[in-house]
Structures are given as structure tokens and as C-alpha cells.
PDB file of N, CA and C in Angstrom:
ATOM      1  N   MET A   1      57.230-102.691 -51.906  1.00  0.00           N
ATOM      2  CA  MET A   1      56.270-102.477 -52.974  1.00  0.00           C
ATOM      3  C   MET A   1      54.964-102.032 -52.342  1.00  0.00           C
ATOM      4  N   THR A   2      54.353-101.054 -52.958  1.00  0.00           N
ATOM      5  CA  THR A   2      53.063-100.588 -52.469  1.00  0.00           C
ATOM      6  C   THR A   2      52.208-100.058 -53.620  1.00  0.00           C
ATOM      7  N   SER A   3      50.909-100.063 -53.402  1.00  0.00           N
ATOM      8  CA  SER A   3      49.986 -99.482 -54.388  1.00  0.00           C
ATOM      9  C   SER A   3      49.560 -98.080 -53.975  1.00  0.00           C
ATOM     10  N   SER A   4      50.041 -97.619 -52.835  1.00  0.00           N
ATOM     11  CA  SER A   4      49.639 -96.315 -52.315  1.00  0.00           C
ATOM     12  C   SER A   4      50.561 -95.212 -52.817  1.00  0.00           C
ATOM     13  N   LYS A   5      50.137 -94.520 -53.842  1.00  0.00           N
ATOM     14  CA  LYS A   5      50.952 -93.437 -54.400  1.00  0.00           C
ATOM     15  C   LYS A   5      51.132 -92.320 -53.378  1.00  0.00           C
ATOM     16  N   ALA A   6      50.126 -92.108 -52.549  1.00  0.00           N
ATOM     17  CA  ALA A   6      50.174 -91.048 -51.539  1.00  0.00           C
ATOM     18  C   ALA A   6      51.227 -91.327 -50.458  1.00  0.00           C
ATOM     19  N   ALA A   7      51.683 -92.570 -50.320  1.00  0.00           N
ATOM     20  CA  ALA A   7      52.660 -92.919 -49.284  1.00  0.00           C
ATOM     21  C   ALA A   7      54.063 -92.406 -49.599  1.00  0.00           C
ATOM     22  N   PHE A   8      54.318 -92.049 -50.847  1.00  0.00           N
ATOM     23  CA  PHE A   8      55.667 -91.655 -51.263  1.00  0.00           C
ATOM     24  C   PHE A   8      55.958 -90.199 -50.912  1.00  0.00           C
ATOM     25  N   SER A   9      57.149 -89.982 -50.349  1.00  0.00           N
ATOM     26  CA  SER A   9      57.615 -88.611 -50.144  1.00  0.00           C
ATOM     27  C   SER A   9      58.301 -88.119 -51.419  1.00  0.00           C
ATOM     28  N   GLU A  10      58.817 -89.043 -52.201  1.00  0.00           N
ATOM     29  CA  GLU A  10      59.343 -88.753 -53.540  1.00  0.00           C
ATOM     30  C   GLU A  10      59.152 -89.990 -54.394  1.00  0.00           C
ATOM     31  N   LEU A  11      58.873 -89.769 -55.666  1.00  0.00           N
ATOM     32  CA  LEU A  11      58.584 -90.879 -56.577  1.00  0.00           C
ATOM     33  C   LEU A  11      59.103 -90.551 -57.970  1.00  0.00           C
ATOM     34  N   ASP A  12      59.912 -91.457 -58.529  1.00  0.00           N
ATOM     35  CA  ASP A  12      60.416 -91.333 -59.895  1.00  0.00           C
ATOM     36  C   ASP A  12      59.551 -92.210 -60.788  1.00  0.00           C
ATOM     37  N   GLY A  13      58.648 -91.592 -61.523  1.00  0.00           N
ATOM     38  CA  GLY A  13      57.741 -92.328 -62.397  1.00  0.00           C
ATOM     39  C   GLY A  13      58.394 -92.881 -63.648  1.00  0.00           C
ATOM     40  N   ASN A  14      59.660 -92.563 -63.886  1.00  0.00           N
ATOM     41  CA  ASN A  14      60.363 -93.081 -65.053  1.00  0.00           C
ATOM     42  C   ASN A  14      60.869 -94.505 -64.851  1.00  0.00           C
ATOM     43  N   VAL A  15      60.873 -94.989 -63.613  1.00  0.00           N
ATOM     44  CA  VAL A  15      61.306 -96.367 -63.346  1.00  0.00           C
ATOM     45  C   VAL A  15      60.143 -97.289 -63.656  1.00  0.00           C
ATOM     46  N   THR A  16      60.371 -98.238 -64.564  1.00  0.00           N
ATOM     47  CA  THR A  16      59.325 -99.180 -64.969  1.00  0.00           C
ATOM     48  C   THR A  16      59.903-100.584 -65.016  1.00  0.00           C
ATOM     49  N   GLY A  17      59.043-101.535 -65.207  1.00  0.00           N
ATOM     50  CA  GLY A  17      59.446-102.936 -65.293  1.00  0.00           C
ATOM     51  C   GLY A  17      58.313-103.799 -64.790  1.00  0.00           C
ATOM     52  N   THR A  18      58.637-105.035 -64.431  1.00  0.00           N
ATOM     53  CA  THR A  18      57.643-105.947 -63.875  1.00  0.00           C
ATOM     54  C   THR A  18      58.241-106.694 -62.698  1.00  0.00           C
ATOM     55  N   VAL A  19      57.356-107.187 -61.844  1.00  0.00           N
ATOM     56  CA  VAL A  19      57.732-108.051 -60.725  1.00  0.00           C
ATOM     57  C   VAL A  19      56.995-109.364 -60.919  1.00  0.00           C
ATOM     58  N   LYS A  20      57.713-110.470 -60.794  1.00  0.00           N
ATOM     59  CA  LYS A  20      57.117-111.797 -60.937  1.00  0.00           C
ATOM     60  C   LYS A  20      56.992-112.423 -59.553  1.00  0.00           C
ATOM     61  N   PHE A  21      55.810-112.932 -59.232  1.00  0.00           N
ATOM     62  CA  PHE A  21      55.548-113.583 -57.953  1.00  0.00           C
ATOM     63  C   PHE A  21      55.710-115.092 -58.059  1.00  0.00           C
ATOM     64  N   GLY A  22      55.664-115.743 -56.929  1.00  0.00           N
ATOM     65  CA  GLY A  22      55.870-117.190 -56.866  1.00  0.00           C
ATOM     66  C   GLY A  22      54.862-117.997 -57.657  1.00  0.00           C
ATOM     67  N   ASP A  23      53.669-117.445 -57.885  1.00  0.00           N
ATOM     68  CA  ASP A  23      52.652-118.154 -58.669  1.00  0.00           C
ATOM     69  C   ASP A  23      52.760-117.841 -60.157  1.00  0.00           C
ATOM     70  N   SER A  24      53.872-117.231 -60.562  1.00  0.00           N
ATOM     71  CA  SER A  24      54.175-116.843 -61.944  1.00  0.00           C
ATOM     72  C   SER A  24      53.388-115.642 -62.445  1.00  0.00           C
ATOM     73  N   SER A  25      52.562-115.034 -61.613  1.00  0.00           N
ATOM     74  CA  SER A  25      51.858-113.822 -62.044  1.00  0.00           C
ATOM     75  C   SER A  25      52.838-112.649 -62.052  1.00  0.00           C
ATOM     76  N   ARG A  26      52.519-111.653 -62.857  1.00  0.00           N
ATOM     77  CA  ARG A  26      53.374-110.475 -62.989  1.00  0.00           C
ATOM     78  C   ARG A  26      52.545-109.214 -62.776  1.00  0.00           C
ATOM     79  N   VAL A  27      53.200-108.198 -62.209  1.00  0.00           N
ATOM     80  CA  VAL A  27      52.573-106.887 -62.063  1.00  0.00           C
ATOM     81  C   VAL A  27      53.545-105.847 -62.611  1.00  0.00           C
ATOM     82  N   VAL A  28      52.989-104.730 -63.051  1.00  0.00           N
ATOM     83  CA  VAL A  28      53.782-103.682 -63.688  1.00  0.00           C
ATOM     84  C   VAL A  28      54.220-102.641 -62.658  1.00  0.00           C
ATOM     85  N   ILE A  29      55.513-102.314 -62.682  1.00  0.00           N
ATOM     86  CA  ILE A  29      56.080-101.263 -61.839  1.00  0.00           C
ATOM     87  C   ILE A  29      55.827 -99.928 -62.537  1.00  0.00           C
ATOM     88  N   ARG A  30      55.289 -98.949 -61.792  1.00  0.00           N
ATOM     89  CA  ARG A  30      54.989 -97.627 -62.343  1.00  0.00           C
ATOM     90  C   ARG A  30      55.854 -96.528 -61.731  1.00  0.00           C
ATOM     91  N   GLY A  31      56.873 -96.917 -60.964  1.00  0.00           N
ATOM     92  CA  GLY A  31      57.763 -95.927 -60.370  1.00  0.00           C
ATOM     93  C   GLY A  31      58.515 -96.511 -59.189  1.00  0.00           C
ATOM     94  N   ARG A  32      59.487 -95.730 -58.700  1.00  0.00           N
ATOM     95  CA  ARG A  32      60.274 -96.141 -57.528  1.00  0.00           C
ATOM     96  C   ARG A  32      60.593 -94.882 -56.721  1.00  0.00           C
ATOM     97  N   GLY A  33      60.529 -95.022 -55.395  1.00  0.00           N
ATOM     98  CA  GLY A  33      60.783 -93.836 -54.585  1.00  0.00           C
ATOM     99  C   GLY A  33      61.014 -94.144 -53.124  1.00  0.00           C
ATOM    100  N   THR A  34      60.770 -93.137 -52.306  1.00  0.00           N
ATOM    101  CA  THR A  34      61.027 -93.205 -50.872  1.00  0.00           C
ATOM    102  C   THR A  34      59.730 -93.013 -50.105  1.00  0.00           C
ATOM    103  N   ILE A  35      59.585 -93.837 -49.069  1.00  0.00           N
ATOM    104  CA  ILE A  35      58.442 -93.732 -48.170  1.00  0.00           C
ATOM    105  C   ILE A  35      58.975 -93.420 -46.777  1.00  0.00           C
ATOM    106  N   ILE A  36      58.411 -92.415 -46.135  1.00  0.00           N
ATOM    107  CA  ILE A  36      58.753 -92.074 -44.756  1.00  0.00           C
ATOM    108  C   ILE A  36      57.691 -92.722 -43.865  1.00  0.00           C
ATOM    109  N   PHE A  37      58.128 -93.432 -42.832  1.00  0.00           N
ATOM    110  CA  PHE A  37      57.167 -94.054 -41.932  1.00  0.00           C
ATOM    111  C   PHE A  37      57.545 -93.761 -40.486  1.00  0.00           C
ATOM    112  N   ARG A  38      56.541 -93.867 -39.617  1.00  0.00           N
ATOM    113  CA  ARG A  38      56.745 -93.630 -38.190  1.00  0.00           C
ATOM    114  C   ARG A  38      57.046 -94.949 -37.504  1.00  0.00           C
ATOM    115  N   CYS A  39      58.152 -94.989 -36.788  1.00  0.00           N
ATOM    116  CA  CYS A  39      58.547 -96.182 -36.046  1.00  0.00           C
ATOM    117  C   CYS A  39      57.700 -96.289 -34.777  1.00  0.00           C
ATOM    118  N   GLN A  40      57.825 -97.432 -34.124  1.00  0.00           N
ATOM    119  CA  GLN A  40      57.063 -97.624 -32.900  1.00  0.00           C
ATOM    120  C   GLN A  40      57.517 -96.694 -31.784  1.00  0.00           C
ATOM    121  N   ASN A  41      58.716 -96.154 -31.883  1.00  0.00           N
ATOM    122  CA  ASN A  41      59.188 -95.197 -30.871  1.00  0.00           C
ATOM    123  C   ASN A  41      58.863 -93.762 -31.287  1.00  0.00           C
ATOM    124  N   SER A  42      58.019 -93.595 -32.287  1.00  0.00           N
ATOM    125  CA  SER A  42      57.540 -92.315 -32.817  1.00  0.00           C
ATOM    126  C   SER A  42      58.570 -91.565 -33.668  1.00  0.00           C
ATOM    127  N   GLU A  43      59.775 -92.085 -33.846  1.00  0.00           N
ATOM    128  CA  GLU A  43      60.729 -91.464 -34.753  1.00  0.00           C
ATOM    129  C   GLU A  43      60.337 -91.803 -36.187  1.00  0.00           C
ATOM    130  N   HIS A  44      60.868 -91.043 -37.128  1.00  0.00           N
ATOM    131  CA  HIS A  44      60.575 -91.275 -38.540  1.00  0.00           C
ATOM    132  C   HIS A  44      61.795 -91.852 -39.247  1.00  0.00           C
ATOM    133  N   ARG A  45      61.554 -92.798 -40.144  1.00  0.00           N
ATOM    134  CA  ARG A  45      62.609 -93.442 -40.927  1.00  0.00           C
ATOM    135  C   ARG A  45      62.155 -93.512 -42.383  1.00  0.00           C
ATOM    136  N   ALA A  46      63.111 -93.726 -43.263  1.00  0.00           N
ATOM    137  CA  ALA A  46      62.814 -93.796 -44.691  1.00  0.00           C
ATOM    138  C   ALA A  46      63.075 -95.199 -45.221  1.00  0.00           C
ATOM    139  N   LEU A  47      62.177 -95.673 -46.037  1.00  0.00           N
ATOM    140  CA  LEU A  47      62.399 -96.868 -46.856  1.00  0.00           C
ATOM    141  C   LEU A  47      62.653 -96.346 -48.258  1.00  0.00           C
ATOM    142  N   THR A  48      63.797 -96.704 -48.819  1.00  0.00           N
ATOM    143  CA  THR A  48      64.151 -96.228 -50.156  1.00  0.00           C
ATOM    144  C   THR A  48      63.995 -97.351 -51.176  1.00  0.00           C
ATOM    145  N   ASP A  49      63.998 -96.977 -52.423  1.00  0.00           N
ATOM    146  CA  ASP A  49      63.882 -97.929 -53.540  1.00  0.00           C
ATOM    147  C   ASP A  49      62.614 -98.770 -53.455  1.00  0.00           C
ATOM    148  N   VAL A  50      61.529 -98.139 -53.021  1.00  0.00           N
ATOM    149  CA  VAL A  50      60.227 -98.809 -52.925  1.00  0.00           C
ATOM    150  C   VAL A  50      59.531 -98.685 -54.277  1.00  0.00           C
ATOM    151  N   TYR A  51      59.046 -99.809 -54.789  1.00  0.00           N
ATOM    152  CA  TYR A  51      58.335 -99.795 -56.071  1.00  0.00           C
ATOM    153  C   TYR A  51      56.880 -99.363 -55.884  1.00  0.00           C
ATOM    154  N   TYR A  52      56.395 -98.544 -56.815  1.00  0.00           N
ATOM    155  CA  TYR A  52      54.991 -98.179 -56.886  1.00  0.00           C
ATOM    156  C   TYR A  52      54.330 -99.115 -57.888  1.00  0.00           C
ATOM    157  N   ILE A  53      53.407 -99.948 -57.389  1.00  0.00           N
ATOM    158  CA  ILE A  53      52.717-100.940 -58.215  1.00  0.00           C
ATOM    159  C   ILE A  53      51.218-100.827 -57.939  1.00  0.00           C
ATOM    160  N   PRO A  54      50.489-100.094 -58.763  1.00  0.00           N
ATOM    161  CA  PRO A  54      49.066 -99.849 -58.501  1.00  0.00           C
ATOM    162  C   PRO A  54      48.218-101.105 -58.345  1.00  0.00           C
ATOM    163  N   GLN A  55      48.614-102.214 -58.958  1.00  0.00           N
ATOM    164  CA  GLN A  55      47.810-103.438 -58.920  1.00  0.00           C
ATOM    165  C   GLN A  55      47.872-104.196 -57.595  1.00  0.00           C
ATOM    166  N   LEU A  56      48.810-103.889 -56.724  1.00  0.00           N
ATOM    167  CA  LEU A  56      48.950-104.635 -55.467  1.00  0.00           C
ATOM    168  C   LEU A  56      47.748-104.427 -54.557  1.00  0.00           C
ATOM    169  N   ARG A  57      47.371-105.475 -53.835  1.00  0.00           N
ATOM    170  CA  ARG A  57      46.307-105.384 -52.839  1.00  0.00           C
ATOM    171  C   ARG A  57      46.875-105.131 -51.451  1.00  0.00           C
ATOM    172  N   SER A  58      48.135-105.507 -51.243  1.00  0.00           N
ATOM    173  CA  SER A  58      48.815-105.301 -49.964  1.00  0.00           C
ATOM    174  C   SER A  58      50.222-104.810 -50.235  1.00  0.00           C
ATOM    175  N   SER A  59      50.742-104.007 -49.328  1.00  0.00           N
ATOM    176  CA  SER A  59      52.137-103.578 -49.439  1.00  0.00           C
ATOM    177  C   SER A  59      53.036-104.710 -48.962  1.00  0.00           C
ATOM    178  N   ILE A  60      54.219-104.823 -49.577  1.00  0.00           N
ATOM    179  CA  ILE A  60      55.136-105.930 -49.283  1.00  0.00           C
ATOM    180  C   ILE A  60      56.520-105.356 -49.010  1.00  0.00           C
ATOM    181  N   ILE A  61      57.141-105.818 -47.933  1.00  0.00           N
ATOM    182  CA  ILE A  61      58.526-105.439 -47.638  1.00  0.00           C
ATOM    183  C   ILE A  61      59.407-106.640 -47.918  1.00  0.00           C
ATOM    184  N   SER A  62      60.471-106.434 -48.665  1.00  0.00           N
ATOM    185  CA  SER A  62      61.403-107.495 -49.015  1.00  0.00           C
ATOM    186  C   SER A  62      62.435-107.690 -47.905  1.00  0.00           C
ATOM    187  N   ILE A  63      62.485-108.891 -47.343  1.00  0.00           N
ATOM    188  CA  ILE A  63      63.490-109.203 -46.329  1.00  0.00           C
ATOM    189  C   ILE A  63      64.886-109.078 -46.939  1.00  0.00           C
ATOM    190  N   GLY A  64      65.039-109.505 -48.182  1.00  0.00           N
ATOM    191  CA  GLY A  64      66.328-109.398 -48.865  1.00  0.00           C
ATOM    192  C   GLY A  64      66.773-107.955 -49.006  1.00  0.00           C
ATOM    193  N   GLN A  65      65.840-107.069 -49.334  1.00  0.00           N
ATOM    194  CA  GLN A  65      66.176-105.657 -49.467  1.00  0.00           C
ATOM    195  C   GLN A  65      66.537-105.058 -48.111  1.00  0.00           C
ATOM    196  N   LEU A  66      65.847-105.456 -47.049  1.00  0.00           N
ATOM    197  CA  LEU A  66      66.206-104.994 -45.708  1.00  0.00           C
ATOM    198  C   LEU A  66      67.620-105.436 -45.356  1.00  0.00           C
ATOM    199  N   ASP A  67      67.949-106.677 -45.690  1.00  0.00           N
ATOM    200  CA  ASP A  67      69.293-107.206 -45.428  1.00  0.00           C
ATOM    201  C   ASP A  67      70.346-106.399 -46.189  1.00  0.00           C
ATOM    202  N   GLU A  68      70.082-106.128 -47.457  1.00  0.00           N
ATOM    203  CA  GLU A  68      71.029-105.372 -48.278  1.00  0.00           C
ATOM    204  C   GLU A  68      71.255-103.962 -47.748  1.00  0.00           C
ATOM    205  N   SER A  69      70.249-103.391 -47.082  1.00  0.00           N
ATOM    206  CA  SER A  69      70.379-102.031 -46.558  1.00  0.00           C
ATOM    207  C   SER A  69      71.008-102.002 -45.167  1.00  0.00           C
ATOM    208  N   GLY A  70      71.368-103.182 -44.656  1.00  0.00           N
ATOM    209  CA  GLY A  70      72.023-103.235 -43.349  1.00  0.00           C
ATOM    210  C   GLY A  70      71.082-103.392 -42.175  1.00  0.00           C
ATOM    211  N   SER A  71      69.813-103.613 -42.439  1.00  0.00           N
ATOM    212  CA  SER A  71      68.853-103.820 -41.359  1.00  0.00           C
ATOM    213  C   SER A  71      68.964-105.242 -40.825  1.00  0.00           C
ATOM    214  N   GLU A  72      68.484-105.417 -39.617  1.00  0.00           N
ATOM    215  CA  GLU A  72      68.469-106.749 -38.986  1.00  0.00           C
ATOM    216  C   GLU A  72      67.023-107.196 -38.862  1.00  0.00           C
ATOM    217  N   VAL A  73      66.753-108.438 -39.236  1.00  0.00           N
ATOM    218  CA  VAL A  73      65.419-109.006 -39.128  1.00  0.00           C
ATOM    219  C   VAL A  73      65.514-110.240 -38.239  1.00  0.00           C
ATOM    220  N   LEU A  74      64.710-110.260 -37.176  1.00  0.00           N
ATOM    221  CA  LEU A  74      64.704-111.386 -36.246  1.00  0.00           C
ATOM    222  C   LEU A  74      63.274-111.852 -36.074  1.00  0.00           C
ATOM    223  N   ILE A  75      63.064-113.152 -36.259  1.00  0.00           N
ATOM    224  CA  ILE A  75      61.754-113.740 -36.022  1.00  0.00           C
ATOM    225  C   ILE A  75      61.931-114.770 -34.918  1.00  0.00           C
ATOM    226  N   LYS A  76      61.222-114.564 -33.812  1.00  0.00           N
ATOM    227  CA  LYS A  76      61.328-115.465 -32.672  1.00  0.00           C
ATOM    228  C   LYS A  76      60.039-115.389 -31.862  1.00  0.00           C
ATOM    229  N   ASP A  77      59.533-116.553 -31.468  1.00  0.00           N
ATOM    230  CA  ASP A  77      58.328-116.630 -30.631  1.00  0.00           C
ATOM    231  C   ASP A  77      57.171-115.843 -31.235  1.00  0.00           C
ATOM    232  N   VAL A  78      56.885-116.048 -32.507  1.00  0.00           N
ATOM    233  CA  VAL A  78      55.809-115.457 -33.307  1.00  0.00           C
ATOM    234  C   VAL A  78      55.885-113.932 -33.446  1.00  0.00           C
ATOM    235  N   VAL A  79      57.038-113.354 -33.172  1.00  0.00           N
ATOM    236  CA  VAL A  79      57.199-111.907 -33.297  1.00  0.00           C
ATOM    237  C   VAL A  79      58.344-111.596 -34.253  1.00  0.00           C
ATOM    238  N   LEU A  80      58.082-110.702 -35.217  1.00  0.00           N
ATOM    239  CA  LEU A  80      59.087-110.225 -36.154  1.00  0.00           C
ATOM    240  C   LEU A  80      59.569-108.865 -35.672  1.00  0.00           C
ATOM    241  N   ARG A  81      60.883-108.714 -35.574  1.00  0.00           N
ATOM    242  CA  ARG A  81      61.480-107.433 -35.189  1.00  0.00           C
ATOM    243  C   ARG A  81      62.422-106.984 -36.296  1.00  0.00           C
ATOM    244  N   ILE A  82      62.301-105.720 -36.673  1.00  0.00           N
ATOM    245  CA  ILE A  82      63.192-105.128 -37.672  1.00  0.00           C
ATOM    246  C   ILE A  82      63.949-103.999 -36.984  1.00  0.00           C
ATOM    247  N   ARG A  83      65.299-104.052 -37.083  1.00  0.00           N
ATOM    248  CA  ARG A  83      66.154-103.015 -36.504  1.00  0.00           C
ATOM    249  C   ARG A  83      67.008-102.398 -37.607  1.00  0.00           C
ATOM    250  N   ASP A  84      67.297-101.112 -37.461  1.00  0.00           N
ATOM    251  CA  ASP A  84      68.148-100.445 -38.439  1.00  0.00           C
ATOM    252  C   ASP A  84      69.621-100.702 -38.121  1.00  0.00           C
ATOM    253  N   GLN A  85      70.509-100.066 -38.863  1.00  0.00           N
ATOM    254  CA  GLN A  85      71.957-100.287 -38.708  1.00  0.00           C
ATOM    255  C   GLN A  85      72.459 -99.874 -37.333  1.00  0.00           C
ATOM    256  N   GLU A  86      71.761 -98.958 -36.667  1.00  0.00           N
ATOM    257  CA  GLU A  86      72.166 -98.518 -35.327  1.00  0.00           C
ATOM    258  C   GLU A  86      71.453 -99.314 -34.240  1.00  0.00           C
ATOM    259  N   GLN A  87      70.795-100.420 -34.631  1.00  0.00           N
ATOM    260  CA  GLN A  87      70.073-101.310 -33.728  1.00  0.00           C
ATOM    261  C   GLN A  87      68.824-100.683 -33.114  1.00  0.00           C
ATOM    262  N   ARG A  88      68.307 -99.620 -33.737  1.00  0.00           N
ATOM    263  CA  ARG A  88      67.054 -99.030 -33.270  1.00  0.00           C
ATOM    264  C   ARG A  88      65.893 -99.854 -33.814  1.00  0.00           C
ATOM    265  N   LEU A  89      64.919-100.116 -32.967  1.00  0.00           N
ATOM    266  CA  LEU A  89      63.765-100.909 -33.358  1.00  0.00           C
ATOM    267  C   LEU A  89      62.887-100.112 -34.307  1.00  0.00           C
ATOM    268  N   LEU A  90      62.694-100.637 -35.519  1.00  0.00           N
ATOM    269  CA  LEU A  90      61.834 -99.995 -36.510  1.00  0.00           C
ATOM    270  C   LEU A  90      60.416-100.548 -36.446  1.00  0.00           C
ATOM    271  N   ALA A  91      60.298-101.853 -36.244  1.00  0.00           N
ATOM    272  CA  ALA A  91      58.976-102.481 -36.208  1.00  0.00           C
ATOM    273  C   ALA A  91      59.025-103.745 -35.373  1.00  0.00           C
ATOM    274  N   LYS A  92      57.934-104.003 -34.695  1.00  0.00           N
ATOM    275  CA  LYS A  92      57.753-105.230 -33.912  1.00  0.00           C
ATOM    276  C   LYS A  92      56.332-105.693 -34.202  1.00  0.00           C
ATOM    277  N   VAL A  93      56.205-106.852 -34.852  1.00  0.00           N
ATOM    278  CA  VAL A  93      54.917-107.296 -35.376  1.00  0.00           C
ATOM    279  C   VAL A  93      54.673-108.747 -35.021  1.00  0.00           C
ATOM    280  N   LYS A  94      53.483-109.047 -34.491  1.00  0.00           N
ATOM    281  CA  LYS A  94      53.108-110.431 -34.206  1.00  0.00           C
ATOM    282  C   LYS A  94      52.598-111.098 -35.478  1.00  0.00           C
ATOM    283  N   ARG A  95      52.879-112.393 -35.600  1.00  0.00           N
ATOM    284  CA  ARG A  95      52.406-113.185 -36.748  1.00  0.00           C
ATOM    285  C   ARG A  95      50.906-113.403 -36.635  1.00  0.00           C
ATOM    286  N   THR A  96      50.217-113.324 -37.776  1.00  0.00           N
ATOM    287  CA  THR A  96      48.780-113.581 -37.813  1.00  0.00           C
ATOM    288  C   THR A  96      48.525-115.076 -37.962  1.00  0.00           C
ATOM    289  N   LYS A  97      47.269-115.464 -37.865  1.00  0.00           N
ATOM    290  CA  LYS A  97      46.896-116.877 -37.980  1.00  0.00           C
ATOM    291  C   LYS A  97      47.243-117.464 -39.342  1.00  0.00           C
ATOM    292  N   ASN A  98      47.273-116.632 -40.381  1.00  0.00           N
ATOM    293  CA  ASN A  98      47.595-117.140 -41.722  1.00  0.00           C
ATOM    294  C   ASN A  98      49.083-116.985 -42.053  1.00  0.00           C
ATOM    295  N   ARG A  99      49.918-116.840 -40.995  1.00  0.00           N
ATOM    296  CA  ARG A  99      51.389-116.835 -41.100  1.00  0.00           C
ATOM    297  C   ARG A  99      51.962-115.606 -41.771  1.00  0.00           C
ATOM    298  N   LEU A 100      51.252-114.492 -41.725  1.00  0.00           N
ATOM    299  CA  LEU A 100      51.764-113.246 -42.272  1.00  0.00           C
ATOM    300  C   LEU A 100      52.090-112.298 -41.127  1.00  0.00           C
ATOM    301  N   TYR A 101      53.006-111.384 -41.392  1.00  0.00           N
ATOM    302  CA  TYR A 101      53.337-110.330 -40.447  1.00  0.00           C
ATOM    303  C   TYR A 101      52.827-109.032 -41.051  1.00  0.00           C
ATOM    304  N   LEU A 102      51.767-108.495 -40.505  1.00  0.00           N
ATOM    305  CA  LEU A 102      51.099-107.343 -41.090  1.00  0.00           C
ATOM    306  C   LEU A 102      51.335-106.107 -40.254  1.00  0.00           C
ATOM    307  N   LEU A 103      51.871-105.070 -40.910  1.00  0.00           N
ATOM    308  CA  LEU A 103      52.050-103.772 -40.259  1.00  0.00           C
ATOM    309  C   LEU A 103      50.783-102.973 -40.433  1.00  0.00           C
ATOM    310  N   ASP A 104      50.343-102.311 -39.399  1.00  0.00           N
ATOM    311  CA  ASP A 104      49.144-101.468 -39.494  1.00  0.00           C
ATOM    312  C   ASP A 104      49.442-100.166 -40.171  1.00  0.00           C
TER     313      ASP A 104
END
């Protein structure tokens, strides 16, 4: 989920709905699409089925969605690593003091 419309390489604005968070708040989905991002090895990869939600303050990656797409997520020694189906490293992120893993 992201609020950055410019991040999408393609976006279907006909996809709508809501997302409910743990605090029971809801935000409106204004589309779904694909985001191309640069991996730490400088290769490019696509995240598909990403929701466009203008109200978000931060972009959020679903661990469950990564699992469903065949990605591997490993958290060990305060470092989160995400690998694709071919075991290529997509992201390596250190945990922040407030227990979040933030991608730059």
C-alpha cells in the first residue's frame, strides 16, 4: 500500500474498497497496480497488486502478500531480508528503535 501515485508503473483506478487497520480505522483504496523498484544489487523488480491509498502517511508492505507471491522473509539479528523466488536479495533492512523496518 502506498500514497505515492507517481510510484506506479501501471495503476487501475477502477479497483476500490477499504482497508481496516488494527486500531479499527479505515482508509479508502483508490486503485491497484504495479510498482517497479530498484533492489540493493541495482536490478529492478516489480511489486504487483499494490493498493493506491492517498490517505497513508507511510508505505506498507504486507508480509502475507510477500509469502503468497513466493518470496522469503527472514528476520534475524535486527535485520530483515526479503528474497524473491530465485533467492535473489530484494531488500536488507535494519530495524529502527521503534521496531519498524523502513525502506529508504
